[in-house]
């Protein structure tokens, strides 16, 4: 009987395990409200709220759209560790 490994982490194309924190912090850095982010991604305000509260993870498609929005704004979705030091 073959055993299959199950990895608890997301694939590289999908959202990270800490997507709620990442999205909330990124949105704050770029100055978007939850409503503004929702409109930019063509999702509802409540969807963004659920992402940020950790109730649900963004889909791979939504995560890619968020990454594309971040790239178009010139602000990466996640800061490198060096950027977090003050």
PDB file of N, CA and C in Angstrom:
ATOM      1  N   UNK A   1       0.844  -1.171   0.000  1.00  0.00           N
ATOM      2  CA  UNK A   1       0.000   0.000   0.000  1.00  0.00           C
ATOM      3  C   UNK A   1       0.891   1.237   0.000  1.00  0.00           C
ATOM      4  N   UNK A   2       0.731   2.115  -0.982  1.00  0.00           N
ATOM      5  CA  UNK A   2       1.550   3.314  -1.091  1.00  0.00           C
ATOM      6  C   UNK A   2       0.999   4.402  -0.177  1.00  0.00           C
ATOM      7  N   UNK A   3       1.906   5.147   0.438  1.00  0.00           N
ATOM      8  CA  UNK A   3       1.498   6.261   1.295  1.00  0.00           C
ATOM      9  C   UNK A   3       1.747   7.563   0.548  1.00  0.00           C
ATOM     10  N   UNK A   4       0.843   8.476   0.670  1.00  0.00           N
ATOM     11  CA  UNK A   4       0.973   9.767   0.013  1.00  0.00           C
ATOM     12  C   UNK A   4       1.220  10.837   1.057  1.00  0.00           C
ATOM     13  N   UNK A   5       2.231  11.644   0.813  1.00  0.00           N
ATOM     14  CA  UNK A   5       2.545  12.733   1.735  1.00  0.00           C
ATOM     15  C   UNK A   5       1.555  13.875   1.525  1.00  0.00           C
ATOM     16  N   UNK A   6       1.109  14.443   2.601  1.00  0.00           N
ATOM     17  CA  UNK A   6       0.233  15.601   2.553  1.00  0.00           C
ATOM     18  C   UNK A   6       0.988  16.765   3.164  1.00  0.00           C
ATOM     19  N   UNK A   7       1.129  17.834   2.394  1.00  0.00           N
ATOM     20  CA  UNK A   7       1.841  18.995   2.906  1.00  0.00           C
ATOM     21  C   UNK A   7       0.835  20.035   3.368  1.00  0.00           C
ATOM     22  N   UNK A   8       0.988  20.556   4.580  1.00  0.00           N
ATOM     23  CA  UNK A   8       0.045  21.519   5.105  1.00  0.00           C
ATOM     24  C   UNK A   8       0.219  22.919   4.551  1.00  0.00           C
ATOM     25  N   UNK A   9       1.323  23.184   3.873  1.00  0.00           N
ATOM     26  CA  UNK A   9       1.562  24.523   3.360  1.00  0.00           C
ATOM     27  C   UNK A   9       0.962  24.684   1.977  1.00  0.00           C
ATOM     28  N   UNK A  10       0.784  25.931   1.568  1.00  0.00           N
ATOM     29  CA  UNK A  10       0.226  26.222   0.258  1.00  0.00           C
ATOM     30  C   UNK A  10       1.278  26.008  -0.821  1.00  0.00           C
ATOM     31  N   UNK A  11       0.825  25.812  -2.040  1.00  0.00           N
ATOM     32  CA  UNK A  11       1.755  25.712  -3.158  1.00  0.00           C
ATOM     33  C   UNK A  11       2.302  27.101  -3.446  1.00  0.00           C
ATOM     34  N   UNK A  12       3.416  27.192  -4.178  1.00  0.00           N
ATOM     35  CA  UNK A  12       3.986  28.508  -4.475  1.00  0.00           C
ATOM     36  C   UNK A  12       3.011  29.433  -5.194  1.00  0.00           C
ATOM     37  N   UNK A  13       2.104  28.891  -5.985  1.00  0.00           N
ATOM     38  CA  UNK A  13       1.154  29.730  -6.714  1.00  0.00           C
ATOM     39  C   UNK A  13      -0.010  30.182  -5.841  1.00  0.00           C
ATOM     40  N   UNK A  14      -0.192  29.541  -4.695  1.00  0.00           N
ATOM     41  CA  UNK A  14      -1.311  29.870  -3.830  1.00  0.00           C
ATOM     42  C   UNK A  14      -0.906  30.784  -2.689  1.00  0.00           C
ATOM     43  N   UNK A  15      -1.881  31.169  -1.883  1.00  0.00           N
ATOM     44  CA  UNK A  15      -1.593  32.076  -0.771  1.00  0.00           C
ATOM     45  C   UNK A  15      -0.776  31.390   0.317  1.00  0.00           C
ATOM     46  N   UNK A  16       0.025  32.171   1.051  1.00  0.00           N
ATOM     47  CA  UNK A  16       0.796  31.594   2.154  1.00  0.00           C
ATOM     48  C   UNK A  16      -0.121  31.277   3.331  1.00  0.00           C
ATOM     49  N   UNK A  17       0.386  30.519   4.274  1.00  0.00           N
ATOM     50  CA  UNK A  17      -0.402  30.153   5.449  1.00  0.00           C
ATOM     51  C   UNK A  17      -0.835  31.388   6.235  1.00  0.00           C
ATOM     52  N   UNK A  18       0.001  32.432   6.237  1.00  0.00           N
ATOM     53  CA  UNK A  18      -0.319  33.656   6.975  1.00  0.00           C
ATOM     54  C   UNK A  18      -0.903  34.733   6.055  1.00  0.00           C
ATOM     55  N   UNK A  19      -1.695  34.312   5.072  1.00  0.00           N
ATOM     56  CA  UNK A  19      -2.264  35.248   4.088  1.00  0.00           C
ATOM     57  C   UNK A  19      -3.039  36.379   4.741  1.00  0.00           C
ATOM     58  N   UNK A  20      -3.751  36.100   5.823  1.00  0.00           N
ATOM     59  CA  UNK A  20      -4.544  37.141   6.486  1.00  0.00           C
ATOM     60  C   UNK A  20      -3.653  38.312   6.896  1.00  0.00           C
ATOM     61  N   UNK A  21      -2.560  38.010   7.561  1.00  0.00           N
ATOM     62  CA  UNK A  21      -1.629  39.047   8.016  1.00  0.00           C
ATOM     63  C   UNK A  21      -0.957  39.743   6.840  1.00  0.00           C
ATOM     64  N   UNK A  22      -0.537  38.955   5.856  1.00  0.00           N
ATOM     65  CA  UNK A  22       0.143  39.498   4.687  1.00  0.00           C
ATOM     66  C   UNK A  22      -0.762  40.486   3.943  1.00  0.00           C
ATOM     67  N   UNK A  23      -2.003  40.103   3.714  1.00  0.00           N
ATOM     68  CA  UNK A  23      -2.932  40.965   2.986  1.00  0.00           C
ATOM     69  C   UNK A  23      -3.217  42.238   3.773  1.00  0.00           C
ATOM     70  N   UNK A  24      -3.509  42.088   5.059  1.00  0.00           N
ATOM     71  CA  UNK A  24      -3.817  43.245   5.893  1.00  0.00           C
ATOM     72  C   UNK A  24      -2.661  44.244   5.914  1.00  0.00           C
ATOM     73  N   UNK A  25      -1.431  43.734   6.110  1.00  0.00           N
ATOM     74  CA  UNK A  25      -0.268  44.618   6.160  1.00  0.00           C
ATOM     75  C   UNK A  25      -0.001  45.278   4.810  1.00  0.00           C
ATOM     76  N   UNK A  26      -0.117  44.512   3.728  1.00  0.00           N
ATOM     77  CA  UNK A  26       0.105  45.074   2.399  1.00  0.00           C
ATOM     78  C   UNK A  26      -0.932  46.155   2.091  1.00  0.00           C
ATOM     79  N   UNK A  27      -2.181  45.873   2.386  1.00  0.00           N
ATOM     80  CA  UNK A  27      -3.253  46.845   2.116  1.00  0.00           C
ATOM     81  C   UNK A  27      -2.998  48.143   2.863  1.00  0.00           C
ATOM     82  N   UNK A  28      -2.520  48.034   4.106  1.00  0.00           N
ATOM     83  CA  UNK A  28      -2.183  49.227   4.882  1.00  0.00           C
ATOM     84  C   UNK A  28      -1.033  50.012   4.266  1.00  0.00           C
ATOM     85  N   UNK A  29      -0.027  49.298   3.768  1.00  0.00           N
ATOM     86  CA  UNK A  29       1.132  49.965   3.154  1.00  0.00           C
ATOM     87  C   UNK A  29       0.749  50.737   1.904  1.00  0.00           C
ATOM     88  N   UNK A  30      -0.176  50.191   1.124  1.00  0.00           N
ATOM     89  CA  UNK A  30      -0.550  50.861  -0.126  1.00  0.00           C
ATOM     90  C   UNK A  30      -1.704  51.843   0.061  1.00  0.00           C
ATOM     91  N   UNK A  31      -2.284  51.872   1.254  1.00  0.00           N
ATOM     92  CA  UNK A  31      -3.324  52.845   1.552  1.00  0.00           C
ATOM     93  C   UNK A  31      -4.695  52.521   0.982  1.00  0.00           C
ATOM     94  N   UNK A  32      -4.989  51.249   0.816  1.00  0.00           N
ATOM     95  CA  UNK A  32      -6.311  50.847   0.325  1.00  0.00           C
ATOM     96  C   UNK A  32      -7.216  50.456   1.494  1.00  0.00           C
ATOM     97  N   UNK A  33      -8.482  50.793   1.379  1.00  0.00           N
ATOM     98  CA  UNK A  33      -9.472  50.297   2.329  1.00  0.00           C
ATOM     99  C   UNK A  33      -9.853  48.884   1.898  1.00  0.00           C
ATOM    100  N   UNK A  34     -10.549  48.175   2.759  1.00  0.00           N
ATOM    101  CA  UNK A  34     -11.040  46.857   2.361  1.00  0.00           C
ATOM    102  C   UNK A  34     -11.966  46.995   1.160  1.00  0.00           C
ATOM    103  N   UNK A  35     -12.790  48.013   1.159  1.00  0.00           N
ATOM    104  CA  UNK A  35     -13.707  48.244   0.037  1.00  0.00           C
ATOM    105  C   UNK A  35     -12.927  48.545  -1.241  1.00  0.00           C
ATOM    106  N   UNK A  36     -11.895  49.361  -1.135  1.00  0.00           N
ATOM    107  CA  UNK A  36     -11.071  49.696  -2.300  1.00  0.00           C
ATOM    108  C   UNK A  36     -10.377  48.475  -2.873  1.00  0.00           C
ATOM    109  N   UNK A  37      -9.844  47.629  -2.000  1.00  0.00           N
ATOM    110  CA  UNK A  37      -9.195  46.403  -2.454  1.00  0.00           C
ATOM    111  C   UNK A  37     -10.220  45.478  -3.101  1.00  0.00           C
ATOM    112  N   UNK A  38     -11.387  45.384  -2.488  1.00  0.00           N
ATOM    113  CA  UNK A  38     -12.445  44.535  -3.045  1.00  0.00           C
ATOM    114  C   UNK A  38     -12.815  44.989  -4.458  1.00  0.00           C
ATOM    115  N   UNK A  39     -12.973  46.286  -4.653  1.00  0.00           N
ATOM    116  CA  UNK A  39     -13.316  46.803  -5.980  1.00  0.00           C
ATOM    117  C   UNK A  39     -12.205  46.524  -6.984  1.00  0.00           C
ATOM    118  N   UNK A  40     -10.943  46.698  -6.554  1.00  0.00           N
ATOM    119  CA  UNK A  40      -9.808  46.474  -7.451  1.00  0.00           C
ATOM    120  C   UNK A  40      -9.715  45.018  -7.890  1.00  0.00           C
ATOM    121  N   UNK A  41     -10.125  44.096  -7.020  1.00  0.00           N
ATOM    122  CA  UNK A  41     -10.049  42.662  -7.322  1.00  0.00           C
ATOM    123  C   UNK A  41     -11.363  42.085  -7.834  1.00  0.00           C
ATOM    124  N   UNK A  42     -12.390  42.932  -7.879  1.00  0.00           N
ATOM    125  CA  UNK A  42     -13.715  42.497  -8.319  1.00  0.00           C
ATOM    126  C   UNK A  42     -14.270  41.393  -7.426  1.00  0.00           C
ATOM    127  N   UNK A  43     -14.116  41.585  -6.116  1.00  0.00           N
ATOM    128  CA  UNK A  43     -14.714  40.696  -5.114  1.00  0.00           C
ATOM    129  C   UNK A  43     -15.513  41.574  -4.158  1.00  0.00           C
ATOM    130  N   UNK A  44     -16.228  40.972  -3.244  1.00  0.00           N
ATOM    131  CA  UNK A  44     -17.017  41.759  -2.297  1.00  0.00           C
ATOM    132  C   UNK A  44     -16.161  42.196  -1.107  1.00  0.00           C
ATOM    133  N   UNK A  45     -16.620  43.248  -0.448  1.00  0.00           N
ATOM    134  CA  UNK A  45     -15.970  43.728   0.768  1.00  0.00           C
ATOM    135  C   UNK A  45     -15.890  42.609   1.804  1.00  0.00           C
ATOM    136  N   UNK A  46     -16.969  41.829   1.926  1.00  0.00           N
ATOM    137  CA  UNK A  46     -16.979  40.767   2.933  1.00  0.00           C
ATOM    138  C   UNK A  46     -15.950  39.683   2.618  1.00  0.00           C
ATOM    139  N   UNK A  47     -15.654  39.477   1.344  1.00  0.00           N
ATOM    140  CA  UNK A  47     -14.614  38.508   0.976  1.00  0.00           C
ATOM    141  C   UNK A  47     -13.263  38.976   1.489  1.00  0.00           C
ATOM    142  N   UNK A  48     -12.923  40.229   1.262  1.00  0.00           N
ATOM    143  CA  UNK A  48     -11.655  40.781   1.753  1.00  0.00           C
ATOM    144  C   UNK A  48     -11.613  40.704   3.275  1.00  0.00           C
ATOM    145  N   UNK A  49     -12.710  41.034   3.919  1.00  0.00           N
ATOM    146  CA  UNK A  49     -12.782  40.971   5.376  1.00  0.00           C
ATOM    147  C   UNK A  49     -12.530  39.550   5.882  1.00  0.00           C
ATOM    148  N   UNK A  50     -13.139  38.563   5.240  1.00  0.00           N
ATOM    149  CA  UNK A  50     -12.934  37.164   5.648  1.00  0.00           C
ATOM    150  C   UNK A  50     -11.496  36.723   5.422  1.00  0.00           C
ATOM    151  N   UNK A  51     -10.868  37.186   4.329  1.00  0.00           N
ATOM    152  CA  UNK A  51      -9.450  36.880   4.111  1.00  0.00           C
ATOM    153  C   UNK A  51      -8.611  37.429   5.251  1.00  0.00           C
ATOM    154  N   UNK A  52      -8.840  38.700   5.577  1.00  0.00           N
ATOM    155  CA  UNK A  52      -8.017  39.370   6.586  1.00  0.00           C
ATOM    156  C   UNK A  52      -8.272  38.859   7.998  1.00  0.00           C
ATOM    157  N   UNK A  53      -9.450  38.351   8.255  1.00  0.00           N
ATOM    158  CA  UNK A  53      -9.757  37.796   9.573  1.00  0.00           C
ATOM    159  C   UNK A  53      -9.361  36.328   9.681  1.00  0.00           C
ATOM    160  N   UNK A  54      -8.887  35.760   8.580  1.00  0.00           N
ATOM    161  CA  UNK A  54      -8.445  34.375   8.574  1.00  0.00           C
ATOM    162  C   UNK A  54      -9.567  33.361   8.523  1.00  0.00           C
ATOM    163  N   UNK A  55     -10.784  33.804   8.207  1.00  0.00           N
ATOM    164  CA  UNK A  55     -11.910  32.876   8.126  1.00  0.00           C
ATOM    165  C   UNK A  55     -11.807  31.984   6.888  1.00  0.00           C
ATOM    166  N   UNK A  56     -11.282  32.541   5.799  1.00  0.00           N
ATOM    167  CA  UNK A  56     -11.053  31.783   4.571  1.00  0.00           C
ATOM    168  C   UNK A  56      -9.752  32.250   3.950  1.00  0.00           C
ATOM    169  N   UNK A  57      -9.148  31.370   3.146  1.00  0.00           N
ATOM    170  CA  UNK A  57      -7.952  31.710   2.389  1.00  0.00           C
ATOM    171  C   UNK A  57      -8.389  32.184   1.002  1.00  0.00           C
ATOM    172  N   UNK A  58      -7.677  33.138   0.422  1.00  0.00           N
ATOM    173  CA  UNK A  58      -7.982  33.492  -0.966  1.00  0.00           C
ATOM    174  C   UNK A  58      -7.721  32.279  -1.867  1.00  0.00           C
ATOM    175  N   UNK A  59      -8.487  32.171  -2.924  1.00  0.00           N
ATOM    176  CA  UNK A  59      -8.231  31.110  -3.903  1.00  0.00           C
ATOM    177  C   UNK A  59      -6.920  31.407  -4.613  1.00  0.00           C
ATOM    178  N   UNK A  60      -6.405  30.411  -5.325  1.00  0.00           N
ATOM    179  CA  UNK A  60      -5.175  30.644  -6.102  1.00  0.00           C
ATOM    180  C   UNK A  60      -5.393  31.753  -7.121  1.00  0.00           C
ATOM    181  N   UNK A  61      -6.565  31.775  -7.737  1.00  0.00           N
ATOM    182  CA  UNK A  61      -6.876  32.807  -8.721  1.00  0.00           C
ATOM    183  C   UNK A  61      -6.895  34.187  -8.071  1.00  0.00           C
ATOM    184  N   UNK A  62      -7.543  34.304  -6.912  1.00  0.00           N
ATOM    185  CA  UNK A  62      -7.595  35.588  -6.208  1.00  0.00           C
ATOM    186  C   UNK A  62      -6.204  36.008  -5.749  1.00  0.00           C
ATOM    187  N   UNK A  63      -5.403  35.045  -5.290  1.00  0.00           N
ATOM    188  CA  UNK A  63      -4.046  35.363  -4.838  1.00  0.00           C
ATOM    189  C   UNK A  63      -3.204  35.896  -5.999  1.00  0.00           C
ATOM    190  N   UNK A  64      -3.342  35.271  -7.177  1.00  0.00           N
ATOM    191  CA  UNK A  64      -2.600  35.756  -8.351  1.00  0.00           C
ATOM    192  C   UNK A  64      -3.072  37.152  -8.735  1.00  0.00           C
ATOM    193  N   UNK A  65      -4.375  37.416  -8.652  1.00  0.00           N
ATOM    194  CA  UNK A  65      -4.897  38.748  -8.964  1.00  0.00           C
ATOM    195  C   UNK A  65      -4.338  39.769  -7.976  1.00  0.00           C
ATOM    196  N   UNK A  66      -4.238  39.387  -6.720  1.00  0.00           N
ATOM    197  CA  UNK A  66      -3.671  40.276  -5.698  1.00  0.00           C
ATOM    198  C   UNK A  66      -2.202  40.553  -5.991  1.00  0.00           C
ATOM    199  N   UNK A  67      -1.459  39.518  -6.384  1.00  0.00           N
ATOM    200  CA  UNK A  67      -0.050  39.704  -6.737  1.00  0.00           C
ATOM    201  C   UNK A  67       0.101  40.614  -7.955  1.00  0.00           C
ATOM    202  N   UNK A  68      -0.787  40.467  -8.933  1.00  0.00           N
ATOM    203  CA  UNK A  68      -0.733  41.322 -10.121  1.00  0.00           C
ATOM    204  C   UNK A  68      -1.058  42.768  -9.762  1.00  0.00           C
ATOM    205  N   UNK A  69      -2.027  42.969  -8.879  1.00  0.00           N
ATOM    206  CA  UNK A  69      -2.356  44.318  -8.423  1.00  0.00           C
ATOM    207  C   UNK A  69      -1.161  44.925  -7.696  1.00  0.00           C
ATOM    208  N   UNK A  70      -0.542  44.149  -6.836  1.00  0.00           N
ATOM    209  CA  UNK A  70       0.630  44.627  -6.096  1.00  0.00           C
ATOM    210  C   UNK A  70       1.739  45.021  -7.065  1.00  0.00           C
ATOM    211  N   UNK A  71       1.975  44.208  -8.085  1.00  0.00           N
ATOM    212  CA  UNK A  71       3.009  44.514  -9.073  1.00  0.00           C
ATOM    213  C   UNK A  71       2.672  45.795  -9.832  1.00  0.00           C
ATOM    214  N   UNK A  72       1.402  45.963 -10.180  1.00  0.00           N
ATOM    215  CA  UNK A  72       1.011  47.163 -10.930  1.00  0.00           C
ATOM    216  C   UNK A  72       1.149  48.428 -10.082  1.00  0.00           C
ATOM    217  N   UNK A  73       1.062  48.271  -8.759  1.00  0.00           N
ATOM    218  CA  UNK A  73       1.235  49.409  -7.849  1.00  0.00           C
ATOM    219  C   UNK A  73       2.699  49.593  -7.443  1.00  0.00           C
ATOM    220  N   UNK A  74       3.551  48.670  -7.872  1.00  0.00           N
ATOM    221  CA  UNK A  74       4.964  48.760  -7.539  1.00  0.00           C
ATOM    222  C   UNK A  74       5.273  48.447  -6.093  1.00  0.00           C
ATOM    223  N   UNK A  75       4.375  47.716  -5.422  1.00  0.00           N
ATOM    224  CA  UNK A  75       4.558  47.360  -4.018  1.00  0.00           C
ATOM    225  C   UNK A  75       4.358  45.861  -3.873  1.00  0.00           C
ATOM    226  N   UNK A  76       5.428  45.127  -3.555  1.00  0.00           N
ATOM    227  CA  UNK A  76       5.283  43.675  -3.431  1.00  0.00           C
ATOM    228  C   UNK A  76       4.282  43.312  -2.341  1.00  0.00           C
ATOM    229  N   UNK A  77       3.624  42.186  -2.527  1.00  0.00           N
ATOM    230  CA  UNK A  77       2.608  41.746  -1.579  1.00  0.00           C
ATOM    231  C   UNK A  77       3.189  41.426  -0.211  1.00  0.00           C
ATOM    232  N   UNK A  78       4.432  40.960  -0.155  1.00  0.00           N
ATOM    233  CA  UNK A  78       5.082  40.668   1.126  1.00  0.00           C
ATOM    234  C   UNK A  78       6.435  41.350   1.166  1.00  0.00           C
ATOM    235  N   UNK A  79       6.705  42.056   2.251  1.00  0.00           N
ATOM    236  CA  UNK A  79       7.990  42.723   2.388  1.00  0.00           C
ATOM    237  C   UNK A  79       9.089  41.719   2.664  1.00  0.00           C
ATOM    238  N   UNK A  80      10.271  41.934   2.082  1.00  0.00           N
ATOM    239  CA  UNK A  80      11.404  41.095   2.468  1.00  0.00           C
ATOM    240  C   UNK A  80      11.720  41.332   3.934  1.00  0.00           C
ATOM    241  N   UNK A  81      12.286  40.362   4.640  1.00  0.00           N
ATOM    242  CA  UNK A  81      12.586  40.527   6.056  1.00  0.00           C
ATOM    243  C   UNK A  81      13.404  41.783   6.372  1.00  0.00           C
ATOM    244  N   UNK A  82      14.315  42.175   5.496  1.00  0.00           N
ATOM    245  CA  UNK A  82      15.138  43.364   5.753  1.00  0.00           C
ATOM    246  C   UNK A  82      14.307  44.624   5.812  1.00  0.00           C
ATOM    247  N   UNK A  83      13.206  44.669   5.068  1.00  0.00           N
ATOM    248  CA  UNK A  83      12.346  45.851   5.069  1.00  0.00           C
ATOM    249  C   UNK A  83      11.574  46.012   6.369  1.00  0.00           C
ATOM    250  N   UNK A  84      11.434  44.935   7.125  1.00  0.00           N
ATOM    251  CA  UNK A  84      10.642  44.993   8.357  1.00  0.00           C
ATOM    252  C   UNK A  84      11.432  45.525   9.533  1.00  0.00           C
ATOM    253  N   UNK A  85      12.755  45.558   9.414  1.00  0.00           N
ATOM    254  CA  UNK A  85      13.593  46.056  10.503  1.00  0.00           C
ATOM    255  C   UNK A  85      13.555  47.578  10.500  1.00  0.00           C
ATOM    256  N   UNK A  86      13.525  48.168  11.680  1.00  0.00           N
ATOM    257  CA  UNK A  86      13.486  49.624  11.774  1.00  0.00           C
ATOM    258  C   UNK A  86      14.803  50.168  12.248  1.00  0.00           C
TER     259      UNK A  86
END
